[in-house]
């Protein structure tokens, strides 16, 4: 992957902090300020157009979701997908690859923001994972019952039309804090030793945010108020808004050990339970062998376009086509995996 460019110096990438990061008392202005911060971050990461990009190297022009036969049946029959919590996926640092390295930085280890970052939990973000590859052995083993399941091919443009994700960072960050946010993006795989580049970008900008907002407060408050603000309200305010930036970016980073998955994600950043009132989503629970998992259900209409049968799946192409016809998906193509896997 292309490594994010290092920040040569704050002055070379940012204008005067006092101008950019003025402490705003009006809520609308504060939201715009936060949007400016996020814009600066993604510029330095080289991600200005990331939210609007579409896959151009996907197998058969589709994005593929590997799953088991029972889940496939539900998706095909009801034309819905489940967005699951990131913290219930198979990577122990799923959705926390960025924040876990930020928490190791001295800015948080020794400062008032430490508890804010270290206590950060990704329980409010849900995702539906897809791959550019339709026949990948590691995917069959990890997500499709050891190769006994299938990979479902979805048309990316149709998924985007249904999901209606934000396509610019400004529109994503400018949503009110308690409003659900959505994005449809490709995952960035970063090796552990390269995360220092990303952390440097965050730390330098966030340090300027904290210093600029404190400087503005000091200019307008009496000396006896300043210490209280610095320790309390100032860091709480900055920390909360920094967390929103991390929330937007954390699900986009993943351990490079998973890079062959070539993953895309449909991400739902849940604001408050009020999201249940949106017609596009239904909140529900599913049972696993050892757990009950909350998820969001989304109608995908006719976005399903193909199925790849797993290497150990008992269904043949004729049986699969008959089943697809029975659930009004006769337009879907059917492929067979070319992986040579032995059942154990």
C-alpha atoms as a PDB file:
ATOM      1  CA  UNK A   1       0.000   0.000   0.000  1.00  0.00           C
ATOM      2  CA  UNK A   2       1.012   3.586  -0.432  1.00  0.00           C
ATOM      3  CA  UNK A   3       2.337   4.902   2.837  1.00  0.00           C
ATOM      4  CA  UNK A   4       0.749   8.146   4.034  1.00  0.00           C
ATOM      5  CA  UNK A   5       3.057  11.076   3.497  1.00  0.00           C
ATOM      6  CA  UNK A   6       4.828  12.314   6.605  1.00  0.00           C
ATOM      7  CA  UNK A   7       4.043  15.773   7.859  1.00  0.00           C
ATOM      8  CA  UNK A   8       7.159  17.820   7.219  1.00  0.00           C
ATOM      9  CA  UNK A   9       6.147  20.614   9.544  1.00  0.00           C
ATOM     10  CA  UNK A  10       2.848  21.966  10.858  1.00  0.00           C
ATOM     11  CA  UNK A  11       3.395  25.278   9.101  1.00  0.00           C
ATOM     12  CA  UNK A  12       3.835  23.619   5.716  1.00  0.00           C
ATOM     13  CA  UNK A  13       0.460  21.856   5.864  1.00  0.00           C
ATOM     14  CA  UNK A  14      -1.743  24.090   8.014  1.00  0.00           C
ATOM     15  CA  UNK A  15      -2.575  27.727   8.192  1.00  0.00           C
ATOM     16  CA  UNK A  16      -2.463  29.646  11.454  1.00  0.00           C
ATOM     17  CA  UNK A  17      -4.037  27.440  14.162  1.00  0.00           C
ATOM     18  CA  UNK A  18      -5.648  30.466  15.785  1.00  0.00           C
ATOM     19  CA  UNK A  19      -7.530  31.045  12.544  1.00  0.00           C
ATOM     20  CA  UNK A  20      -8.380  27.425  11.790  1.00  0.00           C
ATOM     21  CA  UNK A  21      -9.285  26.214  15.250  1.00  0.00           C
ATOM     22  CA  UNK A  22     -11.179  29.096  16.836  1.00  0.00           C
ATOM     23  CA  UNK A  23     -13.245  27.938  19.780  1.00  0.00           C
ATOM     24  CA  UNK A  24     -16.889  28.308  18.735  1.00  0.00           C
ATOM     25  CA  UNK A  25     -19.747  28.836  21.164  1.00  0.00           C
ATOM     26  CA  UNK A  26     -22.406  28.313  18.518  1.00  0.00           C
ATOM     27  CA  UNK A  27     -23.150  24.638  17.920  1.00  0.00           C
ATOM     28  CA  UNK A  28     -23.395  24.939  14.143  1.00  0.00           C
ATOM     29  CA  UNK A  29     -20.023  26.644  13.973  1.00  0.00           C
ATOM     30  CA  UNK A  30     -18.503  23.942  16.177  1.00  0.00           C
ATOM     31  CA  UNK A  31     -19.721  21.263  13.773  1.00  0.00           C
ATOM     32  CA  UNK A  32     -18.126  23.123  10.856  1.00  0.00           C
ATOM     33  CA  UNK A  33     -14.907  23.461  12.845  1.00  0.00           C
ATOM     34  CA  UNK A  34     -14.844  19.723  13.409  1.00  0.00           C
ATOM     35  CA  UNK A  35     -15.383  19.215   9.687  1.00  0.00           C
ATOM     36  CA  UNK A  36     -12.357  21.429   9.013  1.00  0.00           C
ATOM     37  CA  UNK A  37     -10.220  19.319  11.345  1.00  0.00           C
ATOM     38  CA  UNK A  38     -11.268  16.097   9.620  1.00  0.00           C
ATOM     39  CA  UNK A  39     -10.646  17.645   6.207  1.00  0.00           C
ATOM     40  CA  UNK A  40      -7.088  18.511   7.195  1.00  0.00           C
ATOM     41  CA  UNK A  41      -6.479  14.984   8.433  1.00  0.00           C
ATOM     42  CA  UNK A  42      -7.675  13.265   5.282  1.00  0.00           C
ATOM     43  CA  UNK A  43      -5.708  15.697   3.124  1.00  0.00           C
ATOM     44  CA  UNK A  44      -2.512  14.658   4.869  1.00  0.00           C
ATOM     45  CA  UNK A  45      -3.465  10.982   4.513  1.00  0.00           C
ATOM     46  CA  UNK A  46      -4.130  11.540   0.803  1.00  0.00           C
ATOM     47  CA  UNK A  47      -7.723  10.360   1.182  1.00  0.00           C
ATOM     48  CA  UNK A  48      -9.638  13.358  -0.207  1.00  0.00           C
ATOM     49  CA  UNK A  49     -11.622  11.228  -2.695  1.00  0.00           C
ATOM     50  CA  UNK A  50     -11.780   8.000  -0.729  1.00  0.00           C
ATOM     51  CA  UNK A  51     -15.486   8.155   0.167  1.00  0.00           C
ATOM     52  CA  UNK A  52     -16.595   8.540  -3.440  1.00  0.00           C
ATOM     53  CA  UNK A  53     -14.352   5.892  -5.007  1.00  0.00           C
ATOM     54  CA  UNK A  54     -15.796   2.745  -6.522  1.00  0.00           C
ATOM     55  CA  UNK A  55     -14.077  -0.646  -6.942  1.00  0.00           C
ATOM     56  CA  UNK A  56     -12.362  -1.076 -10.298  1.00  0.00           C
ATOM     57  CA  UNK A  57     -10.489  -4.346  -9.712  1.00  0.00           C
ATOM     58  CA  UNK A  58     -13.271  -6.537  -8.348  1.00  0.00           C
ATOM     59  CA  UNK A  59     -13.788 -10.033  -9.768  1.00  0.00           C
ATOM     60  CA  UNK A  60     -16.676 -10.037 -12.265  1.00  0.00           C
ATOM     61  CA  UNK A  61     -17.153  -6.346 -11.431  1.00  0.00           C
ATOM     62  CA  UNK A  62     -18.890  -7.305  -8.183  1.00  0.00           C
ATOM     63  CA  UNK A  63     -18.113  -7.168  -4.475  1.00  0.00           C
ATOM     64  CA  UNK A  64     -18.370 -10.512  -2.700  1.00  0.00           C
ATOM     65  CA  UNK A  65     -19.684 -11.476   0.719  1.00  0.00           C
ATOM     66  CA  UNK A  66     -18.533 -14.880   1.985  1.00  0.00           C
ATOM     67  CA  UNK A  67     -21.020 -16.620   4.233  1.00  0.00           C
ATOM     68  CA  UNK A  68     -22.603 -19.886   5.338  1.00  0.00           C
ATOM     69  CA  UNK A  69     -25.513 -21.599   3.601  1.00  0.00           C
ATOM     70  CA  UNK A  70     -28.137 -20.668   6.270  1.00  0.00           C
ATOM     71  CA  UNK A  71     -27.174 -16.983   6.111  1.00  0.00           C
ATOM     72  CA  UNK A  72     -27.088 -17.093   2.311  1.00  0.00           C
ATOM     73  CA  UNK A  73     -30.621 -18.482   2.278  1.00  0.00           C
ATOM     74  CA  UNK A  74     -31.883 -15.620   4.455  1.00  0.00           C
ATOM     75  CA  UNK A  75     -30.145 -12.988   2.329  1.00  0.00           C
ATOM     76  CA  UNK A  76     -31.457 -14.477  -0.922  1.00  0.00           C
ATOM     77  CA  UNK A  77     -34.985 -15.084   0.343  1.00  0.00           C
ATOM     78  CA  UNK A  78     -35.551 -11.745   2.054  1.00  0.00           C
ATOM     79  CA  UNK A  79     -33.199  -9.525  -0.026  1.00  0.00           C
ATOM     80  CA  UNK A  80     -31.597  -8.122   3.110  1.00  0.00           C
ATOM     81  CA  UNK A  81     -28.129  -7.944   4.650  1.00  0.00           C
ATOM     82  CA  UNK A  82     -27.015  -7.655   8.269  1.00  0.00           C
ATOM     83  CA  UNK A  83     -24.632  -4.942   9.443  1.00  0.00           C
ATOM     84  CA  UNK A  84     -22.833  -6.402  12.450  1.00  0.00           C
ATOM     85  CA  UNK A  85     -20.882  -4.694  15.251  1.00  0.00           C
ATOM     86  CA  UNK A  86     -17.206  -4.285  14.453  1.00  0.00           C
ATOM     87  CA  UNK A  87     -16.164  -5.534  17.880  1.00  0.00           C
ATOM     88  CA  UNK A  88     -17.742  -8.953  17.152  1.00  0.00           C
ATOM     89  CA  UNK A  89     -15.616  -9.719  14.087  1.00  0.00           C
ATOM     90  CA  UNK A  90     -12.625 -12.044  13.802  1.00  0.00           C
ATOM     91  CA  UNK A  91      -9.858  -9.464  14.352  1.00  0.00           C
ATOM     92  CA  UNK A  92      -9.222  -8.566  17.996  1.00  0.00           C
ATOM     93  CA  UNK A  93      -8.356  -5.015  16.912  1.00  0.00           C
ATOM     94  CA  UNK A  94     -11.165  -4.664  14.403  1.00  0.00           C
ATOM     95  CA  UNK A  95     -12.157  -1.016  14.228  1.00  0.00           C
ATOM     96  CA  UNK A  96      -9.435  -0.169  16.760  1.00  0.00           C
ATOM     97  CA  UNK A  97      -6.239  -0.500  14.717  1.00  0.00           C
ATOM     98  CA  UNK A  98      -5.824   3.277  14.691  1.00  0.00           C
ATOM     99  CA  UNK A  99      -7.069   4.131  18.178  1.00  0.00           C
ATOM    100  CA  UNK A 100      -4.956   1.384  19.790  1.00  0.00           C
ATOM    101  CA  UNK A 101      -1.789   3.036  18.443  1.00  0.00           C
ATOM    102  CA  UNK A 102      -2.982   6.517  19.333  1.00  0.00           C
ATOM    103  CA  UNK A 103      -3.508   5.314  22.899  1.00  0.00           C
ATOM    104  CA  UNK A 104       0.186   4.321  23.076  1.00  0.00           C
ATOM    105  CA  UNK A 105       1.317   7.838  22.201  1.00  0.00           C
ATOM    106  CA  UNK A 106       2.530  10.033  25.049  1.00  0.00           C
ATOM    107  CA  UNK A 107      -0.097  12.664  24.174  1.00  0.00           C
ATOM    108  CA  UNK A 108      -2.655  10.353  25.757  1.00  0.00           C
ATOM    109  CA  UNK A 109      -0.556   8.239  28.078  1.00  0.00           C
ATOM    110  CA  UNK A 110       0.542  11.249  30.122  1.00  0.00           C
ATOM    111  CA  UNK A 111      -2.227  13.739  29.441  1.00  0.00           C
ATOM    112  CA  UNK A 112      -5.843  14.426  30.392  1.00  0.00           C
ATOM    113  CA  UNK A 113      -7.072  12.735  27.198  1.00  0.00           C
ATOM    114  CA  UNK A 114      -5.707   9.338  28.314  1.00  0.00           C
ATOM    115  CA  UNK A 115      -8.941   7.990  29.792  1.00  0.00           C
ATOM    116  CA  UNK A 116     -10.917   9.299  26.846  1.00  0.00           C
ATOM    117  CA  UNK A 117      -8.938   7.366  24.257  1.00  0.00           C
ATOM    118  CA  UNK A 118      -8.191   4.268  26.315  1.00  0.00           C
ATOM    119  CA  UNK A 119     -11.846   3.984  27.294  1.00  0.00           C
ATOM    120  CA  UNK A 120     -12.941   4.325  23.695  1.00  0.00           C
ATOM    121  CA  UNK A 121     -15.139   1.385  22.729  1.00  0.00           C
ATOM    122  CA  UNK A 122     -16.354   0.570  19.228  1.00  0.00           C
ATOM    123  CA  UNK A 123     -19.828  -0.589  20.207  1.00  0.00           C
ATOM    124  CA  UNK A 124     -21.665   1.993  18.115  1.00  0.00           C
ATOM    125  CA  UNK A 125     -20.323   1.132  14.661  1.00  0.00           C
ATOM    126  CA  UNK A 126     -21.735  -1.596  12.434  1.00  0.00           C
ATOM    127  CA  UNK A 127     -20.445  -2.910   9.130  1.00  0.00           C
ATOM    128  CA  UNK A 128     -21.129  -5.260   6.254  1.00  0.00           C
ATOM    129  CA  UNK A 129     -17.918  -6.646   4.784  1.00  0.00           C
ATOM    130  CA  UNK A 130     -17.258  -7.433   1.140  1.00  0.00           C
ATOM    131  CA  UNK A 131     -14.246  -8.559  -0.861  1.00  0.00           C
ATOM    132  CA  UNK A 132     -13.026  -7.788  -4.364  1.00  0.00           C
ATOM    133  CA  UNK A 133     -12.164 -11.503  -4.719  1.00  0.00           C
ATOM    134  CA  UNK A 134     -14.801 -14.147  -5.382  1.00  0.00           C
ATOM    135  CA  UNK A 135     -12.659 -17.248  -4.836  1.00  0.00           C
ATOM    136  CA  UNK A 136     -10.123 -16.726  -2.071  1.00  0.00           C
ATOM    137  CA  UNK A 137      -9.083 -19.704   0.036  1.00  0.00           C
ATOM    138  CA  UNK A 138      -8.564 -17.694   3.226  1.00  0.00           C
ATOM    139  CA  UNK A 139     -12.057 -16.238   2.887  1.00  0.00           C
ATOM    140  CA  UNK A 140     -13.639 -19.633   2.389  1.00  0.00           C
ATOM    141  CA  UNK A 141     -11.944 -20.923   5.516  1.00  0.00           C
ATOM    142  CA  UNK A 142     -12.652 -17.925   7.730  1.00  0.00           C
ATOM    143  CA  UNK A 143     -16.162 -16.889   6.751  1.00  0.00           C
ATOM    144  CA  UNK A 144     -17.846 -19.646   4.727  1.00  0.00           C
ATOM    145  CA  UNK A 145     -17.811 -22.647   7.043  1.00  0.00           C
ATOM    146  CA  UNK A 146     -14.443 -23.897   5.873  1.00  0.00           C
ATOM    147  CA  UNK A 147     -15.425 -23.746   2.197  1.00  0.00           C
ATOM    148  CA  UNK A 148     -18.899 -25.260   2.607  1.00  0.00           C
ATOM    149  CA  UNK A 149     -20.665 -21.948   2.075  1.00  0.00           C
ATOM    150  CA  UNK A 150     -20.910 -19.456  -0.764  1.00  0.00           C
ATOM    151  CA  UNK A 151     -19.727 -16.014  -1.837  1.00  0.00           C
ATOM    152  CA  UNK A 152     -22.553 -13.645  -2.816  1.00  0.00           C
ATOM    153  CA  UNK A 153     -21.777 -11.077  -5.506  1.00  0.00           C
ATOM    154  CA  UNK A 154     -23.344  -7.621  -5.137  1.00  0.00           C
ATOM    155  CA  UNK A 155     -23.368  -4.845  -7.705  1.00  0.00           C
ATOM    156  CA  UNK A 156     -21.469  -1.956  -6.023  1.00  0.00           C
ATOM    157  CA  UNK A 157     -23.452   0.857  -7.653  1.00  0.00           C
ATOM    158  CA  UNK A 158     -26.764  -0.653  -6.587  1.00  0.00           C
ATOM    159  CA  UNK A 159     -25.477  -1.150  -3.041  1.00  0.00           C
ATOM    160  CA  UNK A 160     -24.369   2.469  -2.927  1.00  0.00           C
ATOM    161  CA  UNK A 161     -27.764   3.647  -4.183  1.00  0.00           C
ATOM    162  CA  UNK A 162     -29.531   1.711  -1.438  1.00  0.00           C
ATOM    163  CA  UNK A 163     -27.086   2.587   1.337  1.00  0.00           C
ATOM    164  CA  UNK A 164     -26.812   6.272   0.355  1.00  0.00           C
ATOM    165  CA  UNK A 165     -23.402   6.809   2.000  1.00  0.00           C
ATOM    166  CA  UNK A 166     -21.763  10.183   2.434  1.00  0.00           C
ATOM    167  CA  UNK A 167     -19.411  10.809  -0.477  1.00  0.00           C
ATOM    168  CA  UNK A 168     -17.384  13.699   0.970  1.00  0.00           C
ATOM    169  CA  UNK A 169     -15.643  14.077   4.304  1.00  0.00           C
ATOM    170  CA  UNK A 170     -17.315  17.432   4.832  1.00  0.00           C
ATOM    171  CA  UNK A 171     -20.794  15.940   4.501  1.00  0.00           C
ATOM    172  CA  UNK A 172     -19.861  13.069   6.827  1.00  0.00           C
ATOM    173  CA  UNK A 173     -18.447  15.277   9.572  1.00  0.00           C
ATOM    174  CA  UNK A 174     -21.066  18.011   9.205  1.00  0.00           C
ATOM    175  CA  UNK A 175     -23.914  15.734  10.254  1.00  0.00           C
ATOM    176  CA  UNK A 176     -25.235  16.567  13.756  1.00  0.00           C
ATOM    177  CA  UNK A 177     -23.568  14.488  16.462  1.00  0.00           C
ATOM    178  CA  UNK A 178     -26.657  12.397  17.240  1.00  0.00           C
ATOM    179  CA  UNK A 179     -27.437  11.617  13.607  1.00  0.00           C
ATOM    180  CA  UNK A 180     -26.494   8.247  12.054  1.00  0.00           C
ATOM    181  CA  UNK A 181     -23.693   8.404   9.490  1.00  0.00           C
ATOM    182  CA  UNK A 182     -22.920   6.012   6.653  1.00  0.00           C
ATOM    183  CA  UNK A 183     -19.935   5.415   4.391  1.00  0.00           C
ATOM    184  CA  UNK A 184     -18.962   2.868   1.746  1.00  0.00           C
ATOM    185  CA  UNK A 185     -15.184   2.568   1.548  1.00  0.00           C
ATOM    186  CA  UNK A 186     -12.199   0.364   0.833  1.00  0.00           C
ATOM    187  CA  UNK A 187     -10.183  -0.759   3.858  1.00  0.00           C
ATOM    188  CA  UNK A 188      -6.619   0.509   4.248  1.00  0.00           C
ATOM    189  CA  UNK A 189      -4.180  -2.199   5.361  1.00  0.00           C
ATOM    190  CA  UNK A 190      -1.274  -0.825   7.398  1.00  0.00           C
ATOM    191  CA  UNK A 191       1.609  -2.718   8.956  1.00  0.00           C
ATOM    192  CA  UNK A 192       2.240  -2.106  12.631  1.00  0.00           C
ATOM    193  CA  UNK A 193       5.598  -0.469  11.959  1.00  0.00           C
ATOM    194  CA  UNK A 194       3.964   1.959   9.513  1.00  0.00           C
ATOM    195  CA  UNK A 195       1.278   3.106  11.933  1.00  0.00           C
ATOM    196  CA  UNK A 196       3.721   5.659  13.360  1.00  0.00           C
ATOM    197  CA  UNK A 197       3.296   7.685  10.156  1.00  0.00           C
ATOM    198  CA  UNK A 198      -0.462   7.844  10.649  1.00  0.00           C
ATOM    199  CA  UNK A 199      -0.181   8.527  14.384  1.00  0.00           C
ATOM    200  CA  UNK A 200       2.239  11.413  13.702  1.00  0.00           C
ATOM    201  CA  UNK A 201      -0.348  13.050  11.465  1.00  0.00           C
ATOM    202  CA  UNK A 202      -3.037  12.767  14.139  1.00  0.00           C
ATOM    203  CA  UNK A 203      -0.875  13.851  17.049  1.00  0.00           C
ATOM    204  CA  UNK A 204       0.516  16.970  15.361  1.00  0.00           C
ATOM    205  CA  UNK A 205      -2.894  18.175  14.277  1.00  0.00           C
ATOM    206  CA  UNK A 206      -4.668  17.311  17.523  1.00  0.00           C
ATOM    207  CA  UNK A 207      -1.949  19.048  19.531  1.00  0.00           C
ATOM    208  CA  UNK A 208      -2.588  22.183  17.506  1.00  0.00           C
ATOM    209  CA  UNK A 209      -6.330  21.826  18.070  1.00  0.00           C
ATOM    210  CA  UNK A 210      -5.876  21.616  21.837  1.00  0.00           C
ATOM    211  CA  UNK A 211      -3.380  24.487  21.989  1.00  0.00           C
ATOM    212  CA  UNK A 212      -5.430  26.756  19.738  1.00  0.00           C
ATOM    213  CA  UNK A 213      -8.694  26.260  21.596  1.00  0.00           C
ATOM    214  CA  UNK A 214      -6.957  26.791  24.949  1.00  0.00           C
ATOM    215  CA  UNK A 215      -5.261  29.930  23.632  1.00  0.00           C
ATOM    216  CA  UNK A 216      -8.600  31.345  22.549  1.00  0.00           C
ATOM    217  CA  UNK A 217     -10.109  30.588  25.956  1.00  0.00           C
ATOM    218  CA  UNK A 218      -7.208  32.248  27.761  1.00  0.00           C
ATOM    219  CA  UNK A 219      -7.781  35.441  25.792  1.00  0.00           C
ATOM    220  CA  UNK A 220     -11.387  35.727  26.945  1.00  0.00           C
ATOM    221  CA  UNK A 221     -11.383  34.421  30.541  1.00  0.00           C
ATOM    222  CA  UNK A 222     -10.012  35.594  33.840  1.00  0.00           C
ATOM    223  CA  UNK A 223      -6.844  33.889  35.153  1.00  0.00           C
ATOM    224  CA  UNK A 224      -8.715  32.163  37.972  1.00  0.00           C
ATOM    225  CA  UNK A 225     -10.882  30.361  35.391  1.00  0.00           C
ATOM    226  CA  UNK A 226      -8.106  29.143  33.136  1.00  0.00           C
ATOM    227  CA  UNK A 227      -6.751  26.255  35.189  1.00  0.00           C
ATOM    228  CA  UNK A 228     -10.214  24.758  35.648  1.00  0.00           C
ATOM    229  CA  UNK A 229     -10.882  24.959  31.937  1.00  0.00           C
ATOM    230  CA  UNK A 230      -7.540  23.463  30.938  1.00  0.00           C
ATOM    231  CA  UNK A 231      -8.001  20.452  33.192  1.00  0.00           C
ATOM    232  CA  UNK A 232     -11.738  20.016  32.796  1.00  0.00           C
ATOM    233  CA  UNK A 233     -13.967  21.493  30.160  1.00  0.00           C
ATOM    234  CA  UNK A 234     -11.256  22.191  27.596  1.00  0.00           C
ATOM    235  CA  UNK A 235      -9.951  18.628  27.384  1.00  0.00           C
ATOM    236  CA  UNK A 236     -13.421  17.136  27.647  1.00  0.00           C
ATOM    237  CA  UNK A 237     -14.623  19.247  24.726  1.00  0.00           C
ATOM    238  CA  UNK A 238     -11.566  18.644  22.549  1.00  0.00           C
ATOM    239  CA  UNK A 239     -11.406  14.962  23.498  1.00  0.00           C
ATOM    240  CA  UNK A 240     -15.029  14.361  22.611  1.00  0.00           C
ATOM    241  CA  UNK A 241     -14.652  15.944  19.204  1.00  0.00           C
ATOM    242  CA  UNK A 242     -11.355  14.177  18.544  1.00  0.00           C
ATOM    243  CA  UNK A 243     -13.144  10.899  19.246  1.00  0.00           C
ATOM    244  CA  UNK A 244     -15.656  11.707  16.537  1.00  0.00           C
ATOM    245  CA  UNK A 245     -12.800  12.071  14.058  1.00  0.00           C
ATOM    246  CA  UNK A 246     -11.340   8.757  15.195  1.00  0.00           C
ATOM    247  CA  UNK A 247     -14.783   7.173  14.897  1.00  0.00           C
ATOM    248  CA  UNK A 248     -14.950   8.215  11.257  1.00  0.00           C
ATOM    249  CA  UNK A 249     -11.488   6.853  10.430  1.00  0.00           C
ATOM    250  CA  UNK A 250     -10.946   3.844  12.730  1.00  0.00           C
ATOM    251  CA  UNK A 251     -13.067   1.374  10.697  1.00  0.00           C
ATOM    252  CA  UNK A 252     -11.009   2.202   7.594  1.00  0.00           C
ATOM    253  CA  UNK A 253      -7.744   0.859   9.040  1.00  0.00           C
ATOM    254  CA  UNK A 254      -6.880  -2.819   9.410  1.00  0.00           C
ATOM    255  CA  UNK A 255      -3.897  -4.973  10.223  1.00  0.00           C
ATOM    256  CA  UNK A 256      -1.891  -5.661   7.054  1.00  0.00           C
ATOM    257  CA  UNK A 257      -1.970  -9.395   7.864  1.00  0.00           C
ATOM    258  CA  UNK A 258      -5.496  -9.344   6.408  1.00  0.00           C
ATOM    259  CA  UNK A 259      -4.534  -7.515   3.203  1.00  0.00           C
ATOM    260  CA  UNK A 260      -5.348 -10.359   0.808  1.00  0.00           C
ATOM    261  CA  UNK A 261      -9.023  -9.994   1.736  1.00  0.00           C
ATOM    262  CA  UNK A 262      -9.191  -6.800  -0.382  1.00  0.00           C
ATOM    263  CA  UNK A 263     -12.068  -5.648   1.762  1.00  0.00           C
ATOM    264  CA  UNK A 264     -14.707  -2.991   1.236  1.00  0.00           C
ATOM    265  CA  UNK A 265     -17.043  -1.955   4.018  1.00  0.00           C
ATOM    266  CA  UNK A 266     -20.515  -0.566   4.267  1.00  0.00           C
ATOM    267  CA  UNK A 267     -20.258   1.279   7.585  1.00  0.00           C
ATOM    268  CA  UNK A 268     -23.062   2.544   9.788  1.00  0.00           C
ATOM    269  CA  UNK A 269     -21.951   4.934  12.519  1.00  0.00           C
ATOM    270  CA  UNK A 270     -24.863   4.773  14.925  1.00  0.00           C
ATOM    271  CA  UNK A 271     -25.688   8.054  16.637  1.00  0.00           C
ATOM    272  CA  UNK A 272     -28.464   7.186  19.087  1.00  0.00           C
ATOM    273  CA  UNK A 273     -31.261   4.610  19.279  1.00  0.00           C
ATOM    274  CA  UNK A 274     -33.322   7.020  17.187  1.00  0.00           C
ATOM    275  CA  UNK A 275     -31.792   5.306  14.183  1.00  0.00           C
ATOM    276  CA  UNK A 276     -34.438   2.643  14.652  1.00  0.00           C
ATOM    277  CA  UNK A 277     -36.963   5.159  13.366  1.00  0.00           C
ATOM    278  CA  UNK A 278     -35.246   5.346   9.978  1.00  0.00           C
ATOM    279  CA  UNK A 279     -37.134   3.284   7.417  1.00  0.00           C
ATOM    280  CA  UNK A 280     -33.939   1.956   5.813  1.00  0.00           C
ATOM    281  CA  UNK A 281     -32.811  -0.013   8.869  1.00  0.00           C
ATOM    282  CA  UNK A 282     -34.334  -2.442  11.320  1.00  0.00           C
ATOM    283  CA  UNK A 283     -32.602  -3.303  14.564  1.00  0.00           C
ATOM    284  CA  UNK A 284     -32.516  -6.945  15.560  1.00  0.00           C
ATOM    285  CA  UNK A 285     -30.567  -9.716  17.249  1.00  0.00           C
ATOM    286  CA  UNK A 286     -29.087 -12.953  15.960  1.00  0.00           C
ATOM    287  CA  UNK A 287     -27.858 -15.950  17.904  1.00  0.00           C
ATOM    288  CA  UNK A 288     -24.513 -17.634  17.543  1.00  0.00           C
ATOM    289  CA  UNK A 289     -23.356 -20.722  19.387  1.00  0.00           C
ATOM    290  CA  UNK A 290     -22.112 -18.664  22.330  1.00  0.00           C
ATOM    291  CA  UNK A 291     -23.580 -15.209  21.922  1.00  0.00           C
ATOM    292  CA  UNK A 292     -26.505 -12.960  21.043  1.00  0.00           C
ATOM    293  CA  UNK A 293     -25.418 -10.236  18.651  1.00  0.00           C
ATOM    294  CA  UNK A 294     -27.208  -7.011  17.856  1.00  0.00           C
ATOM    295  CA  UNK A 295     -27.273  -6.018  14.201  1.00  0.00           C
ATOM    296  CA  UNK A 296     -29.017  -3.764  11.695  1.00  0.00           C
ATOM    297  CA  UNK A 297     -30.967  -5.178   8.781  1.00  0.00           C
ATOM    298  CA  UNK A 298     -30.949  -3.377   5.433  1.00  0.00           C
ATOM    299  CA  UNK A 299     -32.976  -4.079   2.314  1.00  0.00           C
ATOM    300  CA  UNK A 300     -30.670  -4.439  -0.711  1.00  0.00           C
ATOM    301  CA  UNK A 301     -33.329  -4.845  -3.397  1.00  0.00           C
ATOM    302  CA  UNK A 302     -31.921  -6.404  -6.567  1.00  0.00           C
ATOM    303  CA  UNK A 303     -28.247  -5.658  -5.788  1.00  0.00           C
ATOM    304  CA  UNK A 304     -27.476  -9.385  -5.565  1.00  0.00           C
ATOM    305  CA  UNK A 305     -26.116 -10.450  -8.957  1.00  0.00           C
ATOM    306  CA  UNK A 306     -24.130 -13.688  -8.633  1.00  0.00           C
ATOM    307  CA  UNK A 307     -23.119 -16.575  -6.389  1.00  0.00           C
ATOM    308  CA  UNK A 308     -19.839 -18.494  -6.210  1.00  0.00           C
ATOM    309  CA  UNK A 309     -20.290 -21.969  -4.744  1.00  0.00           C
ATOM    310  CA  UNK A 310     -17.640 -22.877  -2.175  1.00  0.00           C
ATOM    311  CA  UNK A 311     -15.098 -25.652  -2.831  1.00  0.00           C
ATOM    312  CA  UNK A 312     -16.699 -28.001  -0.271  1.00  0.00           C
ATOM    313  CA  UNK A 313     -20.311 -26.921  -0.717  1.00  0.00           C
ATOM    314  CA  UNK A 314     -22.620 -29.826  -1.620  1.00  0.00           C
ATOM    315  CA  UNK A 315     -24.769 -27.732  -3.939  1.00  0.00           C
ATOM    316  CA  UNK A 316     -24.039 -27.986  -7.651  1.00  0.00           C
ATOM    317  CA  UNK A 317     -24.690 -25.275 -10.214  1.00  0.00           C
ATOM    318  CA  UNK A 318     -28.052 -26.679 -11.335  1.00  0.00           C
ATOM    319  CA  UNK A 319     -29.369 -26.903  -7.757  1.00  0.00           C
ATOM    320  CA  UNK A 320     -28.151 -23.394  -7.044  1.00  0.00           C
ATOM    321  CA  UNK A 321     -29.863 -21.997 -10.154  1.00  0.00           C
ATOM    322  CA  UNK A 322     -33.110 -23.741  -9.189  1.00  0.00           C
ATOM    323  CA  UNK A 323     -32.959 -22.259  -5.707  1.00  0.00           C
ATOM    324  CA  UNK A 324     -32.222 -18.765  -7.029  1.00  0.00           C
ATOM    325  CA  UNK A 325     -35.182 -19.038  -9.385  1.00  0.00           C
ATOM    326  CA  UNK A 326     -37.423 -20.027  -6.467  1.00  0.00           C
ATOM    327  CA  UNK A 327     -36.590 -16.761  -4.688  1.00  0.00           C
ATOM    328  CA  UNK A 328     -36.898 -14.570  -7.811  1.00  0.00           C
ATOM    329  CA  UNK A 329     -33.148 -14.279  -8.363  1.00  0.00           C
ATOM    330  CA  UNK A 330     -33.000 -16.094 -11.682  1.00  0.00           C
ATOM    331  CA  UNK A 331     -30.959 -13.200 -13.100  1.00  0.00           C
ATOM    332  CA  UNK A 332     -28.006 -14.117 -10.849  1.00  0.00           C
ATOM    333  CA  UNK A 333     -24.961 -15.796 -12.352  1.00  0.00           C
ATOM    334  CA  UNK A 334     -23.572 -18.944 -10.753  1.00  0.00           C
ATOM    335  CA  UNK A 335     -19.878 -19.843 -10.500  1.00  0.00           C
ATOM    336  CA  UNK A 336     -17.997 -22.711  -8.891  1.00  0.00           C
ATOM    337  CA  UNK A 337     -14.877 -22.245  -6.809  1.00  0.00           C
ATOM    338  CA  UNK A 338     -11.642 -23.420  -8.378  1.00  0.00           C
ATOM    339  CA  UNK A 339      -9.984 -23.870  -4.983  1.00  0.00           C
ATOM    340  CA  UNK A 340      -8.775 -27.418  -4.332  1.00  0.00           C
ATOM    341  CA  UNK A 341      -9.605 -27.930  -0.679  1.00  0.00           C
ATOM    342  CA  UNK A 342      -9.758 -31.231   1.218  1.00  0.00           C
ATOM    343  CA  UNK A 343     -12.538 -31.740   3.756  1.00  0.00           C
ATOM    344  CA  UNK A 344     -11.296 -32.480   7.253  1.00  0.00           C
END
